[in-house]
C-alpha atoms as a PDB file:
ATOM      1  CA  UNK A   1      37.176  59.489 -22.042  1.00  0.00           C
ATOM      2  CA  UNK A   2      38.394  62.196 -19.170  1.00  0.00           C
ATOM      3  CA  UNK A   3      38.875  64.744 -21.873  1.00  0.00           C
ATOM      4  CA  UNK A   4      35.718  64.591 -23.537  1.00  0.00           C
ATOM      5  CA  UNK A   5      34.062  64.654 -19.982  1.00  0.00           C
ATOM      6  CA  UNK A   6      35.980  67.547 -18.995  1.00  0.00           C
ATOM      7  CA  UNK A   7      35.476  69.416 -22.067  1.00  0.00           C
ATOM      8  CA  UNK A   8      31.876  69.068 -21.956  1.00  0.00           C
ATOM      9  CA  UNK A   9      31.889  69.514 -18.327  1.00  0.00           C
ATOM     10  CA  UNK A  10      33.451  73.042 -18.696  1.00  0.00           C
ATOM     11  CA  UNK A  11      31.172  74.009 -21.722  1.00  0.00           C
ATOM     12  CA  UNK A  12      28.239  73.467 -20.427  1.00  0.00           C
ATOM     13  CA  UNK A  13      29.056  74.960 -16.775  1.00  0.00           C
ATOM     14  CA  UNK A  14      30.020  77.886 -19.489  1.00  0.00           C
ATOM     15  CA  UNK A  15      26.570  78.125 -20.580  1.00  0.00           C
ATOM     16  CA  UNK A  16      24.719  78.176 -16.734  1.00  0.00           C
ATOM     17  CA  UNK A  17      23.674  74.454 -17.087  1.00  0.00           C
ATOM     18  CA  UNK A  18      22.887  73.408 -13.289  1.00  0.00           C
ATOM     19  CA  UNK A  19      25.684  71.286 -11.856  1.00  0.00           C
ATOM     20  CA  UNK A  20      23.695  68.400 -11.720  1.00  0.00           C
ATOM     21  CA  UNK A  21      22.549  68.193 -15.384  1.00  0.00           C
ATOM     22  CA  UNK A  22      26.147  69.367 -16.165  1.00  0.00           C
ATOM     23  CA  UNK A  23      27.876  65.868 -14.666  1.00  0.00           C
ATOM     24  CA  UNK A  24      24.689  63.410 -15.859  1.00  0.00           C
ATOM     25  CA  UNK A  25      25.065  64.665 -19.648  1.00  0.00           C
ATOM     26  CA  UNK A  26      28.771  64.985 -19.799  1.00  0.00           C
ATOM     27  CA  UNK A  27      29.160  61.448 -18.425  1.00  0.00           C
ATOM     28  CA  UNK A  28      26.406  60.201 -20.626  1.00  0.00           C
ATOM     29  CA  UNK A  29      28.247  62.156 -23.532  1.00  0.00           C
ATOM     30  CA  UNK A  30      31.736  60.654 -22.685  1.00  0.00           C
ATOM     31  CA  UNK A  31      30.035  57.057 -22.429  1.00  0.00           C
ATOM     32  CA  UNK A  32      28.363  57.426 -26.130  1.00  0.00           C
ATOM     33  CA  UNK A  33      31.459  58.361 -27.513  1.00  0.00           C
ATOM     34  CA  UNK A  34      33.412  55.991 -26.184  1.00  0.00           C
ATOM     35  CA  UNK A  35      30.910  53.371 -27.530  1.00  0.00           C
ATOM     36  CA  UNK A  36      29.773  51.945 -23.918  1.00  0.00           C
ATOM     37  CA  UNK A  37      26.293  51.587 -23.041  1.00  0.00           C
ATOM     38  CA  UNK A  38      24.306  54.431 -21.144  1.00  0.00           C
ATOM     39  CA  UNK A  39      22.821  51.981 -19.406  1.00  0.00           C
ATOM     40  CA  UNK A  40      26.142  51.941 -16.949  1.00  0.00           C
ATOM     41  CA  UNK A  41      24.401  55.633 -15.775  1.00  0.00           C
ATOM     42  CA  UNK A  42      21.611  53.790 -14.398  1.00  0.00           C
ATOM     43  CA  UNK A  43      23.500  51.115 -13.135  1.00  0.00           C
ATOM     44  CA  UNK A  44      25.994  53.818 -11.245  1.00  0.00           C
ATOM     45  CA  UNK A  45      23.201  55.958  -9.771  1.00  0.00           C
ATOM     46  CA  UNK A  46      21.499  52.882  -8.235  1.00  0.00           C
ATOM     47  CA  UNK A  47      24.451  51.193  -7.024  1.00  0.00           C
ATOM     48  CA  UNK A  48      25.011  53.212  -4.330  1.00  0.00           C
ATOM     49  CA  UNK A  49      21.194  52.761  -2.923  1.00  0.00           C
ATOM     50  CA  UNK A  50      22.005  49.141  -2.332  1.00  0.00           C
ATOM     51  CA  UNK A  51      24.747  50.014   0.398  1.00  0.00           C
ATOM     52  CA  UNK A  52      23.531  49.078   4.157  1.00  0.00           C
ATOM     53  CA  UNK A  53      25.325  52.073   5.431  1.00  0.00           C
ATOM     54  CA  UNK A  54      23.199  54.218   3.189  1.00  0.00           C
ATOM     55  CA  UNK A  55      20.601  53.514   5.656  1.00  0.00           C
ATOM     56  CA  UNK A  56      22.113  55.628   8.402  1.00  0.00           C
ATOM     57  CA  UNK A  57      21.857  58.962   6.631  1.00  0.00           C
ATOM     58  CA  UNK A  58      18.005  59.524   6.279  1.00  0.00           C
ATOM     59  CA  UNK A  59      17.782  57.828  10.062  1.00  0.00           C
ATOM     60  CA  UNK A  60      20.010  60.272  11.183  1.00  0.00           C
ATOM     61  CA  UNK A  61      18.322  63.420   9.407  1.00  0.00           C
ATOM     62  CA  UNK A  62      15.020  61.875  10.909  1.00  0.00           C
ATOM     63  CA  UNK A  63      16.309  61.841  14.333  1.00  0.00           C
ATOM     64  CA  UNK A  64      18.028  65.110  14.184  1.00  0.00           C
ATOM     65  CA  UNK A  65      14.716  66.328  13.071  1.00  0.00           C
ATOM     66  CA  UNK A  66      12.892  64.862  15.760  1.00  0.00           C
ATOM     67  CA  UNK A  67      15.069  65.962  18.473  1.00  0.00           C
ATOM     68  CA  UNK A  68      14.725  69.848  17.535  1.00  0.00           C
ATOM     69  CA  UNK A  69      11.048  69.669  17.187  1.00  0.00           C
ATOM     70  CA  UNK A  70      10.165  67.927  20.416  1.00  0.00           C
ATOM     71  CA  UNK A  71      11.495  68.199  24.332  1.00  0.00           C
ATOM     72  CA  UNK A  72      14.797  66.795  23.728  1.00  0.00           C
ATOM     73  CA  UNK A  73      15.949  69.881  21.847  1.00  0.00           C
ATOM     74  CA  UNK A  74      14.632  72.357  24.577  1.00  0.00           C
ATOM     75  CA  UNK A  75      16.704  69.971  26.939  1.00  0.00           C
ATOM     76  CA  UNK A  76      19.786  69.950  24.776  1.00  0.00           C
ATOM     77  CA  UNK A  77      19.535  74.258  24.526  1.00  0.00           C
ATOM     78  CA  UNK A  78      19.337  74.173  28.275  1.00  0.00           C
ATOM     79  CA  UNK A  79      22.242  71.685  28.856  1.00  0.00           C
ATOM     80  CA  UNK A  80      24.385  73.822  26.349  1.00  0.00           C
ATOM     81  CA  UNK A  81      23.304  77.057  28.380  1.00  0.00           C
ATOM     82  CA  UNK A  82      24.179  75.394  31.924  1.00  0.00           C
ATOM     83  CA  UNK A  83      27.663  74.658  30.866  1.00  0.00           C
ATOM     84  CA  UNK A  84      28.396  77.993  28.625  1.00  0.00           C
ATOM     85  CA  UNK A  85      25.936  80.446  28.831  1.00  0.00           C
ATOM     86  CA  UNK A  86      27.364  82.527  31.771  1.00  0.00           C
ATOM     87  CA  UNK A  87      29.957  83.512  29.518  1.00  0.00           C
ATOM     88  CA  UNK A  88      30.232  86.675  27.358  1.00  0.00           C
ATOM     89  CA  UNK A  89      28.143  86.016  24.176  1.00  0.00           C
ATOM     90  CA  UNK A  90      26.038  83.501  26.090  1.00  0.00           C
ATOM     91  CA  UNK A  91      23.884  82.864  23.543  1.00  0.00           C
ATOM     92  CA  UNK A  92      26.660  82.533  20.670  1.00  0.00           C
ATOM     93  CA  UNK A  93      28.395  79.789  22.864  1.00  0.00           C
ATOM     94  CA  UNK A  94      25.144  77.748  23.367  1.00  0.00           C
ATOM     95  CA  UNK A  95      24.908  77.665  19.409  1.00  0.00           C
ATOM     96  CA  UNK A  96      28.337  76.756  18.997  1.00  0.00           C
ATOM     97  CA  UNK A  97      28.143  73.503  21.951  1.00  0.00           C
ATOM     98  CA  UNK A  98      24.600  73.060  20.674  1.00  0.00           C
ATOM     99  CA  UNK A  99      25.749  72.268  17.416  1.00  0.00           C
ATOM    100  CA  UNK A 100      28.395  69.689  18.734  1.00  0.00           C
ATOM    101  CA  UNK A 101      25.747  67.717  20.696  1.00  0.00           C
ATOM    102  CA  UNK A 102      23.432  68.248  17.751  1.00  0.00           C
ATOM    103  CA  UNK A 103      25.786  67.533  15.031  1.00  0.00           C
ATOM    104  CA  UNK A 104      26.456  64.143  16.516  1.00  0.00           C
ATOM    105  CA  UNK A 105      23.027  62.948  15.909  1.00  0.00           C
ATOM    106  CA  UNK A 106      21.574  64.237  12.915  1.00  0.00           C
ATOM    107  CA  UNK A 107      25.294  64.207  11.124  1.00  0.00           C
ATOM    108  CA  UNK A 108      24.157  66.876   8.411  1.00  0.00           C
ATOM    109  CA  UNK A 109      25.362  70.468   8.672  1.00  0.00           C
ATOM    110  CA  UNK A 110      22.422  71.464   6.718  1.00  0.00           C
ATOM    111  CA  UNK A 111      20.103  70.216   9.341  1.00  0.00           C
ATOM    112  CA  UNK A 112      22.280  71.417  12.042  1.00  0.00           C
ATOM    113  CA  UNK A 113      22.164  74.825  10.698  1.00  0.00           C
ATOM    114  CA  UNK A 114      18.348  74.989   9.723  1.00  0.00           C
ATOM    115  CA  UNK A 115      17.328  73.356  13.164  1.00  0.00           C
ATOM    116  CA  UNK A 116      19.742  75.042  15.664  1.00  0.00           C
ATOM    117  CA  UNK A 117      19.805  78.409  13.508  1.00  0.00           C
ATOM    118  CA  UNK A 118      15.350  78.311  13.668  1.00  0.00           C
ATOM    119  CA  UNK A 119      16.008  77.835  17.169  1.00  0.00           C
ATOM    120  CA  UNK A 120      18.140  80.346  18.371  1.00  0.00           C
ATOM    121  CA  UNK A 121      18.968  83.415  15.741  1.00  0.00           C
ATOM    122  CA  UNK A 122      15.754  84.994  16.526  1.00  0.00           C
ATOM    123  CA  UNK A 123      16.554  84.547  20.336  1.00  0.00           C
ATOM    124  CA  UNK A 124      20.212  85.960  19.684  1.00  0.00           C
ATOM    125  CA  UNK A 125      18.387  88.983  17.802  1.00  0.00           C
ATOM    126  CA  UNK A 126      15.982  90.177  20.861  1.00  0.00           C
ATOM    127  CA  UNK A 127      18.682  89.443  23.286  1.00  0.00           C
ATOM    128  CA  UNK A 128      20.782  92.193  21.106  1.00  0.00           C
ATOM    129  CA  UNK A 129      22.872  90.492  18.938  1.00  0.00           C
ATOM    130  CA  UNK A 130      23.375  92.358  15.466  1.00  0.00           C
ATOM    131  CA  UNK A 131      21.521  89.922  12.909  1.00  0.00           C
ATOM    132  CA  UNK A 132      24.738  89.468  10.780  1.00  0.00           C
ATOM    133  CA  UNK A 133      26.438  88.346  13.726  1.00  0.00           C
ATOM    134  CA  UNK A 134      23.854  86.040  14.777  1.00  0.00           C
ATOM    135  CA  UNK A 135      23.970  84.586  10.665  1.00  0.00           C
ATOM    136  CA  UNK A 136      27.756  84.548  11.001  1.00  0.00           C
ATOM    137  CA  UNK A 137      27.983  82.338  14.047  1.00  0.00           C
ATOM    138  CA  UNK A 138      25.316  79.991  12.584  1.00  0.00           C
ATOM    139  CA  UNK A 139      26.866  80.212   9.186  1.00  0.00           C
ATOM    140  CA  UNK A 140      30.139  79.207  11.222  1.00  0.00           C
ATOM    141  CA  UNK A 141      29.548  76.603  13.505  1.00  0.00           C
ATOM    142  CA  UNK A 142      26.950  74.238  11.262  1.00  0.00           C
ATOM    143  CA  UNK A 143      30.345  72.363   9.364  1.00  0.00           C
ATOM    144  CA  UNK A 144      31.324  70.950  13.202  1.00  0.00           C
ATOM    145  CA  UNK A 145      28.256  68.471  12.120  1.00  0.00           C
ATOM    146  CA  UNK A 146      30.798  67.574   9.006  1.00  0.00           C
ATOM    147  CA  UNK A 147      33.276  66.210  11.446  1.00  0.00           C
ATOM    148  CA  UNK A 148      31.654  65.373  14.855  1.00  0.00           C
ATOM    149  CA  UNK A 149      30.525  62.040  14.476  1.00  0.00           C
ATOM    150  CA  UNK A 150      28.140  60.528  13.333  1.00  0.00           C
ATOM    151  CA  UNK A 151      28.956  62.577   9.913  1.00  0.00           C
ATOM    152  CA  UNK A 152      27.279  61.786   6.830  1.00  0.00           C
ATOM    153  CA  UNK A 153      29.831  63.164   4.438  1.00  0.00           C
ATOM    154  CA  UNK A 154      32.197  60.585   6.403  1.00  0.00           C
ATOM    155  CA  UNK A 155      29.787  57.503   5.728  1.00  0.00           C
ATOM    156  CA  UNK A 156      29.914  58.633   1.742  1.00  0.00           C
ATOM    157  CA  UNK A 157      33.783  59.341   1.880  1.00  0.00           C
ATOM    158  CA  UNK A 158      34.069  55.982   3.565  1.00  0.00           C
ATOM    159  CA  UNK A 159      31.961  54.258   0.752  1.00  0.00           C
ATOM    160  CA  UNK A 160      33.364  55.733  -1.834  1.00  0.00           C
ATOM    161  CA  UNK A 161      37.009  55.258  -0.646  1.00  0.00           C
ATOM    162  CA  UNK A 162      36.463  51.643   0.897  1.00  0.00           C
ATOM    163  CA  UNK A 163      37.655  52.660   4.171  1.00  0.00           C
ATOM    164  CA  UNK A 164      36.688  52.184   7.669  1.00  0.00           C
ATOM    165  CA  UNK A 165      33.468  54.522   8.450  1.00  0.00           C
ATOM    166  CA  UNK A 166      34.450  53.920  12.347  1.00  0.00           C
ATOM    167  CA  UNK A 167      37.845  54.802  11.997  1.00  0.00           C
ATOM    168  CA  UNK A 168      37.020  58.184  10.153  1.00  0.00           C
ATOM    169  CA  UNK A 169      34.686  58.801  12.707  1.00  0.00           C
ATOM    170  CA  UNK A 170      37.203  58.394  15.515  1.00  0.00           C
ATOM    171  CA  UNK A 171      39.475  60.696  13.223  1.00  0.00           C
ATOM    172  CA  UNK A 172      36.663  63.467  13.230  1.00  0.00           C
ATOM    173  CA  UNK A 173      36.380  64.012  16.940  1.00  0.00           C
ATOM    174  CA  UNK A 174      39.627  65.862  17.875  1.00  0.00           C
ATOM    175  CA  UNK A 175      39.198  67.834  14.898  1.00  0.00           C
ATOM    176  CA  UNK A 176      35.827  68.931  15.718  1.00  0.00           C
ATOM    177  CA  UNK A 177      36.408  69.769  19.282  1.00  0.00           C
ATOM    178  CA  UNK A 178      39.237  72.037  17.955  1.00  0.00           C
ATOM    179  CA  UNK A 179      37.303  73.493  15.794  1.00  0.00           C
ATOM    180  CA  UNK A 180      34.258  74.158  17.988  1.00  0.00           C
ATOM    181  CA  UNK A 181      36.776  75.691  20.719  1.00  0.00           C
ATOM    182  CA  UNK A 182      38.145  78.237  18.523  1.00  0.00           C
ATOM    183  CA  UNK A 183      34.951  79.035  17.235  1.00  0.00           C
ATOM    184  CA  UNK A 184      33.720  79.481  21.338  1.00  0.00           C
ATOM    185  CA  UNK A 185      36.852  81.954  21.706  1.00  0.00           C
ATOM    186  CA  UNK A 186      36.187  84.069  19.044  1.00  0.00           C
ATOM    187  CA  UNK A 187      32.685  83.994  20.354  1.00  0.00           C
ATOM    188  CA  UNK A 188      33.607  85.243  23.476  1.00  0.00           C
ATOM    189  CA  UNK A 189      36.645  87.935  21.840  1.00  0.00           C
ATOM    190  CA  UNK A 190      33.357  89.359  19.878  1.00  0.00           C
ATOM    191  CA  UNK A 191      31.316  89.493  22.183  1.00  0.00           C
ATOM    192  CA  UNK A 192      33.484  91.127  24.748  1.00  0.00           C
ATOM    193  CA  UNK A 193      34.390  93.713  22.259  1.00  0.00           C
ATOM    194  CA  UNK A 194      30.628  94.504  21.505  1.00  0.00           C
ATOM    195  CA  UNK A 195      29.452  94.230  24.943  1.00  0.00           C
ATOM    196  CA  UNK A 196      27.131  91.426  24.424  1.00  0.00           C
ATOM    197  CA  UNK A 197      25.402  89.862  27.607  1.00  0.00           C
ATOM    198  CA  UNK A 198      25.356  85.783  29.206  1.00  0.00           C
ATOM    199  CA  UNK A 199      22.669  83.789  29.073  1.00  0.00           C
ATOM    200  CA  UNK A 200      22.815  81.632  32.001  1.00  0.00           C
ATOM    201  CA  UNK A 201      19.936  79.383  32.702  1.00  0.00           C
ATOM    202  CA  UNK A 202      17.463  80.645  35.158  1.00  0.00           C
ATOM    203  CA  UNK A 203      17.158  78.813  38.230  1.00  0.00           C
ATOM    204  CA  UNK A 204      20.559  76.940  37.071  1.00  0.00           C
ATOM    205  CA  UNK A 205      20.526  73.405  37.528  1.00  0.00           C
ATOM    206  CA  UNK A 206      17.981  72.687  40.104  1.00  0.00           C
ATOM    207  CA  UNK A 207      15.562  73.991  37.597  1.00  0.00           C
ATOM    208  CA  UNK A 208      16.486  72.074  34.624  1.00  0.00           C
ATOM    209  CA  UNK A 209      16.400  69.137  37.041  1.00  0.00           C
ATOM    210  CA  UNK A 210      12.514  69.961  38.157  1.00  0.00           C
ATOM    211  CA  UNK A 211      11.900  70.644  34.298  1.00  0.00           C
ATOM    212  CA  UNK A 212      12.917  67.057  33.652  1.00  0.00           C
ATOM    213  CA  UNK A 213      11.412  65.422  36.264  1.00  0.00           C
ATOM    214  CA  UNK A 214       7.592  66.860  35.573  1.00  0.00           C
ATOM    215  CA  UNK A 215       8.044  66.516  31.716  1.00  0.00           C
END
């Protein structure tokens, strides 16, 4: 069955059939060739939706969307500016640190990149960042959400491999922080080479505190 599946898969890929249809069609042909019922495909596709941890996936994405479309997303960016905005390439540093915090809520690299990128890339370009550099920063730090808990790929891997999701979350913290630290160091170096400005929060902590109090 494996040989038939691989042959059909690569044959369909060679004629530019979409990947999703290639996987589905290859599986169907392999099952048919082995004389097994095609109803197994529907059963296998439906079974993961009955797993309780899968409920976390849409709710994490919803939580991330609500964050960035409300005041909390603004507070998140301001906290990042308080911590790292004073360094060279401050807005780039804010993007990375914000991704660490935002990825810890959404769990999705795509949601992370779209939400934080839409919010920060236009500001970075207006502040003198080359559009390519701003886009590269956004593309480079978004995978941090794959490592920082709660990570949707780690949830899916834990379900498929029958591993402890909590242990996978704990194991992803240190690599995620190390990746963020390396990206921040590289961003600082490039910003220093190109003379990009810092981006401290105007008014500092007092302004941020008053903003929260009167929100």
